[in-house]
C-alpha cells in the first residue's frame, strides 16, 4: 500500500477494526481505525440485499480516505488531493511540482 501516488498514510485492519499494519500519517492511529470501523458498521444499514460493500471515500478539503474491503481485511489510504479539483466527482492528485 505504500506505493499509491500522493498517499499520506495507510491502515490495514481486521474486519473487527484491529490494526494489522499502518504507516505515514496513520501509523498506530487507533482513533482513525476505530472511526473507520464504526463507519463501515454503520453503513451496513444502507446495504441492499444481494449487494456487498466494495469501497468508500471520505472527502476532506486537502485529502481523502479511500476505504475498501479485500481478503477479509479493511484497507484504508489517506490520499492528498487538490481541493480546487473536486469537479464532476473527480479527484485530481497533487504532485510535488504543482
PDB file of N, CA and C in Angstrom:
ATOM      1  N   UNK A   1       0.812  -1.198   0.000  1.00  0.00           N
ATOM      2  CA  UNK A   1       0.000   0.000   0.000  1.00  0.00           C
ATOM      3  C   UNK A   1       0.854   1.260   0.000  1.00  0.00           C
ATOM      4  N   UNK A   2       2.118   1.124   0.218  1.00  0.00           N
ATOM      5  CA  UNK A   2       2.982   2.299   0.295  1.00  0.00           C
ATOM      6  C   UNK A   2       3.281   2.908  -1.067  1.00  0.00           C
ATOM      7  N   UNK A   3       2.835   2.294  -2.158  1.00  0.00           N
ATOM      8  CA  UNK A   3       3.164   2.781  -3.496  1.00  0.00           C
ATOM      9  C   UNK A   3       2.031   3.554  -4.156  1.00  0.00           C
ATOM     10  N   UNK A   4       0.992   3.878  -3.446  1.00  0.00           N
ATOM     11  CA  UNK A   4      -0.124   4.624  -4.010  1.00  0.00           C
ATOM     12  C   UNK A   4       0.301   6.084  -4.157  1.00  0.00           C
ATOM     13  N   UNK A   5       0.144   6.681  -5.359  1.00  0.00           N
ATOM     14  CA  UNK A   5       0.566   8.078  -5.561  1.00  0.00           C
ATOM     15  C   UNK A   5      -0.123   9.032  -4.586  1.00  0.00           C
ATOM     16  N   UNK A   6       0.639   9.959  -4.045  1.00  0.00           N
ATOM     17  CA  UNK A   6       0.157  11.001  -3.125  1.00  0.00           C
ATOM     18  C   UNK A   6      -0.416  10.461  -1.823  1.00  0.00           C
ATOM     19  N   UNK A   7      -0.092   9.218  -1.511  1.00  0.00           N
ATOM     20  CA  UNK A   7      -0.562   8.644  -0.258  1.00  0.00           C
ATOM     21  C   UNK A   7       0.147   9.295   0.917  1.00  0.00           C
ATOM     22  N   UNK A   8      -0.624   9.696   1.920  1.00  0.00           N
ATOM     23  CA  UNK A   8      -0.083  10.319   3.121  1.00  0.00           C
ATOM     24  C   UNK A   8       0.032   9.315   4.267  1.00  0.00           C
ATOM     25  N   UNK A   9      -0.719   8.226   4.193  1.00  0.00           N
ATOM     26  CA  UNK A   9      -0.691   7.204   5.222  1.00  0.00           C
ATOM     27  C   UNK A   9      -1.624   6.066   4.863  1.00  0.00           C
ATOM     28  N   UNK A  10      -1.513   4.960   5.611  1.00  0.00           N
ATOM     29  CA  UNK A  10      -2.374   3.811   5.342  1.00  0.00           C
ATOM     30  C   UNK A  10      -2.614   3.007   6.613  1.00  0.00           C
ATOM     31  N   UNK A  11      -3.705   2.267   6.602  1.00  0.00           N
ATOM     32  CA  UNK A  11      -4.056   1.314   7.646  1.00  0.00           C
ATOM     33  C   UNK A  11      -4.531   0.032   6.982  1.00  0.00           C
ATOM     34  N   UNK A  12      -4.164  -1.090   7.549  1.00  0.00           N
ATOM     35  CA  UNK A  12      -4.753  -2.372   7.182  1.00  0.00           C
ATOM     36  C   UNK A  12      -5.295  -2.938   8.484  1.00  0.00           C
ATOM     37  N   UNK A  13      -6.592  -3.262   8.477  1.00  0.00           N
ATOM     38  CA  UNK A  13      -7.255  -3.694   9.699  1.00  0.00           C
ATOM     39  C   UNK A  13      -8.009  -4.998   9.477  1.00  0.00           C
ATOM     40  N   UNK A  14      -8.269  -5.701  10.577  1.00  0.00           N
ATOM     41  CA  UNK A  14      -9.147  -6.854  10.527  1.00  0.00           C
ATOM     42  C   UNK A  14     -10.572  -6.337  10.399  1.00  0.00           C
ATOM     43  N   UNK A  15     -11.505  -7.215  10.113  1.00  0.00           N
ATOM     44  CA  UNK A  15     -12.899  -6.808   9.959  1.00  0.00           C
ATOM     45  C   UNK A  15     -13.498  -6.277  11.262  1.00  0.00           C
ATOM     46  N   UNK A  16     -12.894  -6.610  12.408  1.00  0.00           N
ATOM     47  CA  UNK A  16     -13.401  -6.080  13.674  1.00  0.00           C
ATOM     48  C   UNK A  16     -12.661  -4.814  14.106  1.00  0.00           C
ATOM     49  N   UNK A  17     -11.781  -4.275  13.238  1.00  0.00           N
ATOM     50  CA  UNK A  17     -11.144  -2.985  13.489  1.00  0.00           C
ATOM     51  C   UNK A  17      -9.765  -3.025  14.108  1.00  0.00           C
ATOM     52  N   UNK A  18      -9.213  -4.202  14.363  1.00  0.00           N
ATOM     53  CA  UNK A  18      -7.866  -4.289  14.926  1.00  0.00           C
ATOM     54  C   UNK A  18      -6.834  -3.957  13.842  1.00  0.00           C
ATOM     55  N   UNK A  19      -5.870  -3.095  14.169  1.00  0.00           N
ATOM     56  CA  UNK A  19      -4.854  -2.673  13.201  1.00  0.00           C
ATOM     57  C   UNK A  19      -3.823  -3.781  13.015  1.00  0.00           C
ATOM     58  N   UNK A  20      -3.633  -4.181  11.762  1.00  0.00           N
ATOM     59  CA  UNK A  20      -2.633  -5.182  11.401  1.00  0.00           C
ATOM     60  C   UNK A  20      -1.334  -4.493  10.997  1.00  0.00           C
ATOM     61  N   UNK A  21      -1.479  -3.423  10.206  1.00  0.00           N
ATOM     62  CA  UNK A  21      -0.326  -2.708   9.675  1.00  0.00           C
ATOM     63  C   UNK A  21      -0.722  -1.257   9.460  1.00  0.00           C
ATOM     64  N   UNK A  22       0.263  -0.344   9.583  1.00  0.00           N
ATOM     65  CA  UNK A  22      -0.021   1.077   9.375  1.00  0.00           C
ATOM     66  C   UNK A  22       1.257   1.801   9.000  1.00  0.00           C
ATOM     67  N   UNK A  23       1.096   3.014   8.459  1.00  0.00           N
ATOM     68  CA  UNK A  23       2.258   3.800   8.097  1.00  0.00           C
ATOM     69  C   UNK A  23       1.883   5.238   7.804  1.00  0.00           C
ATOM     70  N   UNK A  24       2.890   6.099   7.709  1.00  0.00           N
ATOM     71  CA  UNK A  24       2.675   7.507   7.398  1.00  0.00           C
ATOM     72  C   UNK A  24       1.840   8.212   8.450  1.00  0.00           C
ATOM     73  N   UNK A  25       0.951   9.106   8.018  1.00  0.00           N
ATOM     74  CA  UNK A  25       0.090   9.861   8.933  1.00  0.00           C
ATOM     75  C   UNK A  25      -0.815   8.965   9.777  1.00  0.00           C
ATOM     76  N   UNK A  26      -1.061   7.756   9.321  1.00  0.00           N
ATOM     77  CA  UNK A  26      -1.980   6.865  10.036  1.00  0.00           C
ATOM     78  C   UNK A  26      -1.262   5.816  10.884  1.00  0.00           C
ATOM     79  N   UNK A  27       0.054   5.926  10.996  1.00  0.00           N
ATOM     80  CA  UNK A  27       0.814   4.943  11.763  1.00  0.00           C
ATOM     81  C   UNK A  27       0.335   4.913  13.211  1.00  0.00           C
ATOM     82  N   UNK A  28      -0.049   3.722  13.660  1.00  0.00           N
ATOM     83  CA  UNK A  28      -0.530   3.492  15.030  1.00  0.00           C
ATOM     84  C   UNK A  28      -1.703   4.387  15.405  1.00  0.00           C
ATOM     85  N   UNK A  29      -2.500   4.825  14.428  1.00  0.00           N
ATOM     86  CA  UNK A  29      -3.607   5.730  14.701  1.00  0.00           C
ATOM     87  C   UNK A  29      -4.875   4.926  14.992  1.00  0.00           C
ATOM     88  N   UNK A  30      -4.997   4.485  16.239  1.00  0.00           N
ATOM     89  CA  UNK A  30      -6.135   3.674  16.669  1.00  0.00           C
ATOM     90  C   UNK A  30      -7.446   4.462  16.591  1.00  0.00           C
ATOM     91  N   UNK A  31      -7.383   5.786  16.783  1.00  0.00           N
ATOM     92  CA  UNK A  31      -8.595   6.608  16.743  1.00  0.00           C
ATOM     93  C   UNK A  31      -9.230   6.561  15.358  1.00  0.00           C
ATOM     94  N   UNK A  32      -8.432   6.780  14.314  1.00  0.00           N
ATOM     95  CA  UNK A  32      -8.964   6.735  12.939  1.00  0.00           C
ATOM     96  C   UNK A  32      -9.425   5.314  12.616  1.00  0.00           C
ATOM     97  N   UNK A  33      -8.675   4.312  13.049  1.00  0.00           N
ATOM     98  CA  UNK A  33      -9.074   2.920  12.811  1.00  0.00           C
ATOM     99  C   UNK A  33     -10.451   2.657  13.419  1.00  0.00           C
ATOM    100  N   UNK A  34     -10.679   3.152  14.620  1.00  0.00           N
ATOM    101  CA  UNK A  34     -11.965   2.966  15.291  1.00  0.00           C
ATOM    102  C   UNK A  34     -13.088   3.692  14.545  1.00  0.00           C
ATOM    103  N   UNK A  35     -12.812   4.920  14.105  1.00  0.00           N
ATOM    104  CA  UNK A  35     -13.817   5.692  13.367  1.00  0.00           C
ATOM    105  C   UNK A  35     -14.176   4.998  12.049  1.00  0.00           C
ATOM    106  N   UNK A  36     -13.174   4.536  11.311  1.00  0.00           N
ATOM    107  CA  UNK A  36     -13.420   3.860  10.029  1.00  0.00           C
ATOM    108  C   UNK A  36     -14.215   2.577  10.270  1.00  0.00           C
ATOM    109  N   UNK A  37     -13.826   1.809  11.276  1.00  0.00           N
ATOM    110  CA  UNK A  37     -14.518   0.567  11.594  1.00  0.00           C
ATOM    111  C   UNK A  37     -15.982   0.830  11.938  1.00  0.00           C
ATOM    112  N   UNK A  38     -16.247   1.850  12.749  1.00  0.00           N
ATOM    113  CA  UNK A  38     -17.624   2.204  13.110  1.00  0.00           C
ATOM    114  C   UNK A  38     -18.403   2.716  11.901  1.00  0.00           C
ATOM    115  N   UNK A  39     -17.729   3.449  11.013  1.00  0.00           N
ATOM    116  CA  UNK A  39     -18.384   3.952   9.803  1.00  0.00           C
ATOM    117  C   UNK A  39     -18.829   2.790   8.921  1.00  0.00           C
ATOM    118  N   UNK A  40     -17.966   1.791   8.771  1.00  0.00           N
ATOM    119  CA  UNK A  40     -18.327   0.616   7.969  1.00  0.00           C
ATOM    120  C   UNK A  40     -19.487  -0.126   8.623  1.00  0.00           C
ATOM    121  N   UNK A  41     -19.425  -0.294   9.933  1.00  0.00           N
ATOM    122  CA  UNK A  41     -20.520  -0.972  10.641  1.00  0.00           C
ATOM    123  C   UNK A  41     -21.831  -0.219  10.471  1.00  0.00           C
ATOM    124  N   UNK A  42     -21.780   1.108  10.589  1.00  0.00           N
ATOM    125  CA  UNK A  42     -22.982   1.923  10.430  1.00  0.00           C
ATOM    126  C   UNK A  42     -23.517   1.833   9.011  1.00  0.00           C
ATOM    127  N   UNK A  43     -22.621   1.778   8.033  1.00  0.00           N
ATOM    128  CA  UNK A  43     -23.057   1.748   6.634  1.00  0.00           C
ATOM    129  C   UNK A  43     -23.757   0.443   6.284  1.00  0.00           C
ATOM    130  N   UNK A  44     -23.619  -0.573   7.107  1.00  0.00           N
ATOM    131  CA  UNK A  44     -24.299  -1.841   6.823  1.00  0.00           C
ATOM    132  C   UNK A  44     -25.810  -1.662   6.765  1.00  0.00           C
ATOM    133  N   UNK A  45     -26.319  -0.654   7.455  1.00  0.00           N
ATOM    134  CA  UNK A  45     -27.755  -0.406   7.417  1.00  0.00           C
ATOM    135  C   UNK A  45     -28.202   0.123   6.048  1.00  0.00           C
ATOM    136  N   UNK A  46     -27.246   0.562   5.223  1.00  0.00           N
ATOM    137  CA  UNK A  46     -27.560   1.059   3.878  1.00  0.00           C
ATOM    138  C   UNK A  46     -27.539  -0.052   2.835  1.00  0.00           C
ATOM    139  N   UNK A  47     -27.099  -1.236   3.230  1.00  0.00           N
ATOM    140  CA  UNK A  47     -26.954  -2.329   2.276  1.00  0.00           C
ATOM    141  C   UNK A  47     -28.283  -2.701   1.648  1.00  0.00           C
ATOM    142  N   UNK A  48     -28.202  -3.025   0.390  1.00  0.00           N
ATOM    143  CA  UNK A  48     -29.331  -3.537  -0.363  1.00  0.00           C
ATOM    144  C   UNK A  48     -29.088  -5.040  -0.495  1.00  0.00           C
ATOM    145  N   UNK A  49     -30.119  -5.849  -0.320  1.00  0.00           N
ATOM    146  CA  UNK A  49     -29.915  -7.295  -0.479  1.00  0.00           C
ATOM    147  C   UNK A  49     -29.210  -7.618  -1.795  1.00  0.00           C
ATOM    148  N   UNK A  50     -28.365  -8.596  -1.756  1.00  0.00           N
ATOM    149  CA  UNK A  50     -27.598  -9.063  -2.921  1.00  0.00           C
ATOM    150  C   UNK A  50     -26.524  -8.086  -3.370  1.00  0.00           C
ATOM    151  N   UNK A  51     -26.247  -7.041  -2.590  1.00  0.00           N
ATOM    152  CA  UNK A  51     -25.143  -6.129  -2.897  1.00  0.00           C
ATOM    153  C   UNK A  51     -24.170  -6.146  -1.731  1.00  0.00           C
ATOM    154  N   UNK A  52     -22.896  -6.000  -2.035  1.00  0.00           N
ATOM    155  CA  UNK A  52     -21.876  -6.003  -0.999  1.00  0.00           C
ATOM    156  C   UNK A  52     -21.099  -4.698  -1.040  1.00  0.00           C
ATOM    157  N   UNK A  53     -20.638  -4.263   0.128  1.00  0.00           N
ATOM    158  CA  UNK A  53     -19.777  -3.091   0.239  1.00  0.00           C
ATOM    159  C   UNK A  53     -18.512  -3.346  -0.566  1.00  0.00           C
ATOM    160  N   UNK A  54     -18.134  -2.409  -1.437  1.00  0.00           N
ATOM    161  CA  UNK A  54     -16.905  -2.557  -2.208  1.00  0.00           C
ATOM    162  C   UNK A  54     -15.876  -1.509  -1.811  1.00  0.00           C
ATOM    163  N   UNK A  55     -16.278  -0.243  -1.824  1.00  0.00           N
ATOM    164  CA  UNK A  55     -15.344   0.794  -1.407  1.00  0.00           C
ATOM    165  C   UNK A  55     -16.110   2.026  -0.943  1.00  0.00           C
ATOM    166  N   UNK A  56     -15.386   2.897  -0.255  1.00  0.00           N
ATOM    167  CA  UNK A  56     -15.972   4.103   0.302  1.00  0.00           C
ATOM    168  C   UNK A  56     -14.907   5.192   0.273  1.00  0.00           C
ATOM    169  N   UNK A  57     -15.320   6.415  -0.038  1.00  0.00           N
ATOM    170  CA  UNK A  57     -14.415   7.562   0.016  1.00  0.00           C
ATOM    171  C   UNK A  57     -14.971   8.563   1.010  1.00  0.00           C
ATOM    172  N   UNK A  58     -14.093   9.101   1.831  1.00  0.00           N
ATOM    173  CA  UNK A  58     -14.468  10.130   2.797  1.00  0.00           C
ATOM    174  C   UNK A  58     -13.618  11.348   2.453  1.00  0.00           C
ATOM    175  N   UNK A  59     -14.267  12.400   1.932  1.00  0.00           N
ATOM    176  CA  UNK A  59     -13.554  13.559   1.396  1.00  0.00           C
ATOM    177  C   UNK A  59     -13.421  14.688   2.410  1.00  0.00           C
ATOM    178  N   UNK A  60     -12.240  15.249   2.479  1.00  0.00           N
ATOM    179  CA  UNK A  60     -11.948  16.458   3.235  1.00  0.00           C
ATOM    180  C   UNK A  60     -11.350  17.458   2.247  1.00  0.00           C
ATOM    181  N   UNK A  61     -11.067  18.665   2.693  1.00  0.00           N
ATOM    182  CA  UNK A  61     -10.625  19.702   1.759  1.00  0.00           C
ATOM    183  C   UNK A  61      -9.310  19.362   1.058  1.00  0.00           C
ATOM    184  N   UNK A  62      -8.308  18.870   1.779  1.00  0.00           N
ATOM    185  CA  UNK A  62      -6.983  18.658   1.185  1.00  0.00           C
ATOM    186  C   UNK A  62      -6.584  17.190   1.048  1.00  0.00           C
ATOM    187  N   UNK A  63      -7.430  16.286   1.510  1.00  0.00           N
ATOM    188  CA  UNK A  63      -7.131  14.856   1.411  1.00  0.00           C
ATOM    189  C   UNK A  63      -8.434  14.076   1.488  1.00  0.00           C
ATOM    190  N   UNK A  64      -8.344  12.803   1.183  1.00  0.00           N
ATOM    191  CA  UNK A  64      -9.494  11.918   1.356  1.00  0.00           C
ATOM    192  C   UNK A  64      -9.022  10.559   1.833  1.00  0.00           C
ATOM    193  N   UNK A  65      -9.945   9.842   2.454  1.00  0.00           N
ATOM    194  CA  UNK A  65      -9.691   8.461   2.835  1.00  0.00           C
ATOM    195  C   UNK A  65     -10.365   7.570   1.807  1.00  0.00           C
ATOM    196  N   UNK A  66      -9.623   6.628   1.289  1.00  0.00           N
ATOM    197  CA  UNK A  66     -10.168   5.623   0.393  1.00  0.00           C
ATOM    198  C   UNK A  66     -10.199   4.311   1.181  1.00  0.00           C
ATOM    199  N   UNK A  67     -11.379   3.721   1.298  1.00  0.00           N
ATOM    200  CA  UNK A  67     -11.570   2.535   2.129  1.00  0.00           C
ATOM    201  C   UNK A  67     -12.112   1.412   1.258  1.00  0.00           C
ATOM    202  N   UNK A  68     -11.500   0.252   1.334  1.00  0.00           N
ATOM    203  CA  UNK A  68     -12.041  -0.908   0.632  1.00  0.00           C
ATOM    204  C   UNK A  68     -11.827  -2.155   1.481  1.00  0.00           C
ATOM    205  N   UNK A  69     -12.636  -3.166   1.210  1.00  0.00           N
ATOM    206  CA  UNK A  69     -12.529  -4.441   1.909  1.00  0.00           C
ATOM    207  C   UNK A  69     -12.077  -5.476   0.898  1.00  0.00           C
ATOM    208  N   UNK A  70     -11.015  -6.195   1.253  1.00  0.00           N
ATOM    209  CA  UNK A  70     -10.483  -7.241   0.380  1.00  0.00           C
ATOM    210  C   UNK A  70      -9.838  -8.316   1.249  1.00  0.00           C
ATOM    211  N   UNK A  71     -10.062  -9.550   0.904  1.00  0.00           N
ATOM    212  CA  UNK A  71      -9.490 -10.685   1.639  1.00  0.00           C
ATOM    213  C   UNK A  71      -9.772 -10.606   3.141  1.00  0.00           C
ATOM    214  N   UNK A  72     -10.978 -10.209   3.484  1.00  0.00           N
ATOM    215  CA  UNK A  72     -11.429 -10.103   4.879  1.00  0.00           C
ATOM    216  C   UNK A  72     -10.593  -9.124   5.685  1.00  0.00           C
ATOM    217  N   UNK A  73     -10.051  -8.113   4.996  1.00  0.00           N
ATOM    218  CA  UNK A  73      -9.299  -7.043   5.647  1.00  0.00           C
ATOM    219  C   UNK A  73      -9.824  -5.702   5.142  1.00  0.00           C
ATOM    220  N   UNK A  74      -9.735  -4.688   6.008  1.00  0.00           N
ATOM    221  CA  UNK A  74     -10.122  -3.333   5.642  1.00  0.00           C
ATOM    222  C   UNK A  74      -8.853  -2.577   5.281  1.00  0.00           C
ATOM    223  N   UNK A  75      -8.797  -2.024   4.092  1.00  0.00           N
ATOM    224  CA  UNK A  75      -7.642  -1.268   3.614  1.00  0.00           C
ATOM    225  C   UNK A  75      -8.030   0.208   3.540  1.00  0.00           C
ATOM    226  N   UNK A  76      -7.255   1.057   4.200  1.00  0.00           N
ATOM    227  CA  UNK A  76      -7.537   2.494   4.239  1.00  0.00           C
ATOM    228  C   UNK A  76      -6.304   3.238   3.755  1.00  0.00           C
ATOM    229  N   UNK A  77      -6.483   4.149   2.813  1.00  0.00           N
ATOM    230  CA  UNK A  77      -5.399   5.027   2.370  1.00  0.00           C
ATOM    231  C   UNK A  77      -5.830   6.471   2.579  1.00  0.00           C
ATOM    232  N   UNK A  78      -4.942   7.279   3.131  1.00  0.00           N
ATOM    233  CA  UNK A  78      -5.162   8.718   3.239  1.00  0.00           C
ATOM    234  C   UNK A  78      -4.393   9.336   2.081  1.00  0.00           C
ATOM    235  N   UNK A  79      -5.115  10.014   1.170  1.00  0.00           N
ATOM    236  CA  UNK A  79      -4.515  10.477  -0.078  1.00  0.00           C
ATOM    237  C   UNK A  79      -4.706  11.982  -0.240  1.00  0.00           C
ATOM    238  N   UNK A  80      -3.613  12.669  -0.521  1.00  0.00           N
ATOM    239  CA  UNK A  80      -3.624  14.128  -0.740  1.00  0.00           C
ATOM    240  C   UNK A  80      -4.241  14.427  -2.100  1.00  0.00           C
ATOM    241  N   UNK A  81      -5.032  15.517  -2.173  1.00  0.00           N
ATOM    242  CA  UNK A  81      -5.570  15.963  -3.456  1.00  0.00           C
ATOM    243  C   UNK A  81      -5.702  17.482  -3.477  1.00  0.00           C
ATOM    244  N   UNK A  82      -5.912  17.987  -4.659  1.00  0.00           N
ATOM    245  CA  UNK A  82      -6.075  19.420  -4.886  1.00  0.00           C
ATOM    246  C   UNK A  82      -7.520  19.796  -4.573  1.00  0.00           C
ATOM    247  N   UNK A  83      -7.769  20.644  -3.563  1.00  0.00           N
ATOM    248  CA  UNK A  83      -9.145  20.983  -3.194  1.00  0.00           C
ATOM    249  C   UNK A  83      -9.908  21.714  -4.296  1.00  0.00           C
ATOM    250  N   UNK A  84      -9.220  22.304  -5.243  1.00  0.00           N
ATOM    251  CA  UNK A  84      -9.871  23.013  -6.341  1.00  0.00           C
ATOM    252  C   UNK A  84     -10.266  22.090  -7.485  1.00  0.00           C
ATOM    253  N   UNK A  85      -9.899  20.825  -7.382  1.00  0.00           N
ATOM    254  CA  UNK A  85     -10.139  19.892  -8.479  1.00  0.00           C
ATOM    255  C   UNK A  85     -11.367  19.013  -8.258  1.00  0.00           C
ATOM    256  N   UNK A  86     -12.146  19.273  -7.227  1.00  0.00           N
ATOM    257  CA  UNK A  86     -13.305  18.431  -6.942  1.00  0.00           C
ATOM    258  C   UNK A  86     -14.491  18.827  -7.816  1.00  0.00           C
ATOM    259  N   UNK A  87     -14.427  18.411  -9.062  1.00  0.00           N
ATOM    260  CA  UNK A  87     -15.485  18.701 -10.018  1.00  0.00           C
ATOM    261  C   UNK A  87     -15.912  17.396 -10.671  1.00  0.00           C
ATOM    262  N   UNK A  88     -17.196  17.256 -10.888  1.00  0.00           N
ATOM    263  CA  UNK A  88     -17.719  16.078 -11.580  1.00  0.00           C
ATOM    264  C   UNK A  88     -17.270  14.767 -10.945  1.00  0.00           C
ATOM    265  N   UNK A  89     -17.297  14.714  -9.597  1.00  0.00           N
ATOM    266  CA  UNK A  89     -16.909  13.513  -8.846  1.00  0.00           C
ATOM    267  C   UNK A  89     -15.474  13.069  -9.155  1.00  0.00           C
ATOM    268  N   UNK A  90     -14.634  14.000  -9.545  1.00  0.00           N
ATOM    269  CA  UNK A  90     -13.255  13.671  -9.901  1.00  0.00           C
ATOM    270  C   UNK A  90     -12.316  14.243  -8.856  1.00  0.00           C
ATOM    271  N   UNK A  91     -11.338  13.455  -8.444  1.00  0.00           N
ATOM    272  CA  UNK A  91     -10.305  13.937  -7.526  1.00  0.00           C
ATOM    273  C   UNK A  91      -8.993  13.886  -8.274  1.00  0.00           C
ATOM    274  N   UNK A  92      -8.405  15.046  -8.500  1.00  0.00           N
ATOM    275  CA  UNK A  92      -7.104  15.092  -9.167  1.00  0.00           C
ATOM    276  C   UNK A  92      -6.032  15.124  -8.099  1.00  0.00           C
ATOM    277  N   UNK A  93      -5.021  14.325  -8.281  1.00  0.00           N
ATOM    278  CA  UNK A  93      -3.951  14.228  -7.298  1.00  0.00           C
ATOM    279  C   UNK A  93      -2.996  15.406  -7.433  1.00  0.00           C
ATOM    280  N   UNK A  94      -2.446  15.833  -6.307  1.00  0.00           N
ATOM    281  CA  UNK A  94      -1.466  16.911  -6.275  1.00  0.00           C
ATOM    282  C   UNK A  94      -0.084  16.294  -6.453  1.00  0.00           C
ATOM    283  N   UNK A  95       0.731  16.883  -7.305  1.00  0.00           N
ATOM    284  CA  UNK A  95       2.096  16.415  -7.447  1.00  0.00           C
ATOM    285  C   UNK A  95       3.018  17.473  -6.848  1.00  0.00           C
ATOM    286  N   UNK A  96       4.204  17.059  -6.452  1.00  0.00           N
ATOM    287  CA  UNK A  96       5.122  17.987  -5.787  1.00  0.00           C
ATOM    288  C   UNK A  96       5.461  19.185  -6.640  1.00  0.00           C
ATOM    289  N   UNK A  97       5.482  19.037  -7.944  1.00  0.00           N
ATOM    290  CA  UNK A  97       5.847  20.132  -8.835  1.00  0.00           C
ATOM    291  C   UNK A  97       4.757  21.163  -9.025  1.00  0.00           C
ATOM    292  N   UNK A  98       3.516  20.865  -8.594  1.00  0.00           N
ATOM    293  CA  UNK A  98       2.419  21.807  -8.853  1.00  0.00           C
ATOM    294  C   UNK A  98       2.191  22.771  -7.723  1.00  0.00           C
TER     295      UNK A  98
END
